[in-house]
Amino acid sequence: MLIKKTRPDAGFTLLELLIALVIFAVGILGVYSMQITSISGNTKSRVISEASIIAADQVEQFLSVEYDDWTDTDGDGTGQDTNITNGDGVDDDGGNFGLDDVTVATADGSDDFNGDGVADVFWNVAFDYPYPNTKTVRIYVDPQDSDSNMVPITFVLADPTL
């Protein structure tokens, strides 16, 4: 009877090593993909945060403006709830009391906060919305980033003489 001597495993075979490397590479690619997504999300978050800070600063500046100085320059935010019988606060002209105008041509005002010659802050004024004797001001900040939407802030002013 022949007795075969067995020797203990001396290490990995080449095939086992290649399989381990493939699994490791797939894992590294997944981590790389997550890192790219994380960086992109952080960048978008920073841009939106900066736009929100600019909008909040604009609100602070606007709070020093007298109530009577707020004007609806294009007239699209005044008296559009024309159905006196219902007074439901719905823009009867089908819009949003002009509060959604976000271009230099249609907004009630604009400002260039970074000096690049492009108006980056837009604001619109609506009278008697959402309640009589109030003015609603909506500010939009365009972060000038193709992946980010405009950041809106809305505030309502009450007539201080009432």
Protein backbone atom coordinates (compact mmCIF):
# COMPACT_ATOMS: atom_id res chain seq x y z
CA MET A 1 0.00 0.00 0.00
CA LEU A 2 1.27 3.33 -1.04
CA ILE A 3 0.93 6.17 1.36
CA LYS A 4 0.80 9.50 -0.26
CA LYS A 5 2.36 12.29 1.64
CA THR A 6 0.20 15.36 1.83
CA ARG A 7 1.77 18.66 2.31
CA PRO A 8 0.03 21.58 3.99
CA ASP A 9 -1.27 24.42 1.81
CA ALA A 10 1.60 26.66 1.01
CA GLY A 11 -0.43 29.72 -0.09
CA PHE A 12 -2.85 30.93 -2.70
CA THR A 13 -3.01 29.69 -6.18
CA LEU A 14 -2.77 32.14 -9.03
CA LEU A 15 -6.45 31.70 -9.82
CA GLU A 16 -7.50 32.49 -6.24
CA LEU A 17 -5.34 35.60 -6.31
CA LEU A 18 -6.88 36.83 -9.58
CA ILE A 19 -10.42 36.29 -8.27
CA ALA A 20 -9.58 38.23 -5.10
CA LEU A 21 -8.16 41.10 -7.17
CA VAL A 22 -11.31 41.28 -9.32
CA ILE A 23 -13.52 41.41 -6.23
CA PHE A 24 -11.28 44.10 -4.71
CA ALA A 25 -11.38 46.17 -7.94
CA VAL A 26 -15.19 46.03 -8.07
CA GLY A 27 -15.33 47.22 -4.47
CA ILE A 28 -12.91 50.09 -5.12
CA LEU A 29 -14.96 51.20 -8.15
CA GLY A 30 -18.07 51.31 -5.96
CA VAL A 31 -16.30 53.46 -3.38
CA TYR A 32 -14.99 55.74 -6.14
CA SER A 33 -18.50 56.18 -7.51
CA MET A 34 -19.83 57.06 -4.05
CA GLN A 35 -17.04 59.61 -3.60
CA ILE A 36 -17.85 61.34 -6.91
CA THR A 37 -21.55 61.50 -5.98
CA SER A 38 -20.67 62.86 -2.55
CA ILE A 39 -18.47 65.62 -3.98
CA SER A 40 -21.17 66.58 -6.47
CA GLY A 41 -23.82 66.71 -3.73
CA ASN A 42 -21.57 68.79 -1.48
CA THR A 43 -20.92 71.28 -4.28
CA LYS A 44 -24.63 71.66 -5.02
CA SER A 45 -25.34 72.05 -1.32
CA ARG A 46 -22.71 74.79 -1.02
CA VAL A 47 -24.15 76.68 -4.00
CA ILE A 48 -27.69 76.51 -2.58
CA SER A 49 -26.46 77.56 0.88
CA GLU A 50 -24.69 80.58 -0.60
CA ALA A 51 -27.83 81.52 -2.55
CA SER A 52 -29.92 81.19 0.62
CA ILE A 53 -27.54 83.48 2.50
CA ILE A 54 -27.75 86.05 -0.29
CA ALA A 55 -31.56 85.84 -0.27
CA ALA A 56 -31.66 86.25 3.52
CA ASP A 57 -29.33 89.25 3.24
CA GLN A 58 -31.62 90.74 0.60
CA VAL A 59 -34.60 90.26 2.95
CA GLU A 60 -32.70 92.11 5.69
CA GLN A 61 -32.05 94.98 3.29
CA PHE A 62 -35.67 95.02 2.17
CA LEU A 63 -37.00 95.20 5.73
CA SER A 64 -35.62 98.72 5.94
CA VAL A 65 -37.80 99.83 3.00
CA GLU A 66 -40.98 101.69 3.90
CA TYR A 67 -44.23 99.83 3.27
CA ASP A 68 -45.47 102.44 0.78
CA ASP A 69 -42.22 102.21 -1.22
CA TRP A 70 -42.96 98.64 -2.27
CA THR A 71 -44.33 98.79 -5.78
CA ASP A 72 -45.54 96.32 -8.32
CA THR A 73 -43.79 97.86 -11.32
CA ASP A 74 -45.37 95.62 -13.95
CA GLY A 75 -48.86 95.53 -12.42
CA ASP A 76 -49.17 91.76 -12.52
CA GLY A 77 -49.43 91.31 -8.76
CA THR A 78 -52.14 93.81 -7.99
CA GLY A 79 -55.87 93.20 -7.90
CA GLN A 80 -55.82 89.87 -9.67
CA ASP A 81 -58.31 88.28 -7.31
CA THR A 82 -61.04 90.13 -9.18
CA ASN A 83 -63.89 87.85 -8.18
CA ILE A 84 -65.23 90.02 -5.38
CA THR A 85 -67.93 87.53 -4.50
CA ASN A 86 -65.55 84.77 -3.52
CA GLY A 87 -62.36 86.65 -2.51
CA ASP A 88 -60.69 83.26 -2.40
CA GLY A 89 -57.11 84.52 -2.71
CA VAL A 90 -56.67 82.75 -6.05
CA ASP A 91 -55.17 84.72 -8.93
CA ASP A 92 -58.10 84.95 -11.33
CA ASP A 93 -55.70 85.63 -14.22
CA GLY A 94 -54.32 82.11 -13.83
CA GLY A 95 -50.88 83.06 -12.52
CA ASN A 96 -49.45 83.39 -9.05
CA PHE A 97 -49.96 87.15 -8.56
CA GLY A 98 -46.78 87.80 -10.50
CA LEU A 99 -44.67 86.18 -7.80
CA ASP A 100 -43.16 83.65 -10.20
CA ASP A 101 -41.54 86.18 -12.58
CA VAL A 102 -37.82 85.34 -12.61
CA THR A 103 -36.32 87.29 -15.49
CA VAL A 104 -35.10 90.86 -15.66
CA ALA A 105 -37.86 91.69 -18.14
CA THR A 106 -40.72 90.36 -16.01
CA ALA A 107 -39.61 90.80 -12.39
CA ASP A 108 -40.49 93.89 -10.34
CA GLY A 109 -36.81 94.37 -9.53
CA SER A 110 -33.41 92.77 -9.92
CA ASP A 111 -29.88 93.10 -8.62
CA ASP A 112 -26.48 91.79 -9.67
CA PHE A 113 -24.90 90.47 -6.46
CA ASN A 114 -21.64 89.21 -7.91
CA GLY A 115 -20.92 91.97 -10.41
CA ASP A 116 -20.83 89.75 -13.49
CA GLY A 117 -23.38 91.85 -15.36
CA VAL A 118 -26.11 89.22 -15.03
CA ALA A 119 -29.02 89.94 -12.72
CA ASP A 120 -28.85 87.25 -10.08
CA VAL A 121 -31.52 88.38 -7.61
CA PHE A 122 -35.12 88.94 -8.70
CA TRP A 123 -38.05 90.07 -6.60
CA ASN A 124 -41.75 90.40 -7.16
CA VAL A 125 -44.42 92.21 -5.20
CA ALA A 126 -48.07 91.24 -4.90
CA PHE A 127 -50.59 93.55 -3.23
CA ASP A 128 -53.41 92.31 -1.01
CA TYR A 129 -52.11 88.77 -1.14
CA PRO A 130 -52.66 86.56 0.79
CA TYR A 131 -54.78 89.01 2.83
CA PRO A 132 -56.11 92.52 2.24
CA ASN A 133 -53.73 95.34 3.27
CA THR A 134 -50.65 93.16 2.92
CA LYS A 135 -47.87 92.93 0.39
CA THR A 136 -46.13 89.68 -0.42
CA VAL A 137 -42.55 89.90 -1.62
CA ARG A 138 -40.87 86.88 -3.17
CA ILE A 139 -37.13 86.96 -3.75
CA TYR A 140 -35.39 84.56 -6.11
CA VAL A 141 -31.64 84.05 -6.15
CA ASP A 142 -30.17 82.44 -9.24
CA PRO A 143 -26.99 80.64 -8.13
CA GLN A 144 -25.64 80.73 -11.71
CA ASP A 145 -24.97 77.02 -11.49
CA SER A 146 -26.50 74.96 -14.27
CA ASP A 147 -27.35 72.14 -11.87
CA SER A 148 -29.09 74.29 -9.24
CA ASN A 149 -32.55 75.75 -9.26
CA MET A 150 -33.38 79.25 -8.14
CA VAL A 151 -33.70 79.68 -4.39
CA PRO A 152 -36.92 81.49 -3.36
CA ILE A 153 -37.71 83.31 -0.11
CA THR A 154 -41.13 84.80 0.51
CA PHE A 155 -42.19 87.25 3.17
CA VAL A 156 -45.40 89.13 3.86
CA LEU A 157 -45.60 92.75 4.99
CA ALA A 158 -48.63 94.18 6.76
CA ASP A 159 -49.69 97.79 6.32
CA PRO A 160 -48.37 99.48 9.50
CA THR A 161 -51.01 102.23 9.35
CA LEU A 162 -53.85 99.84 10.07
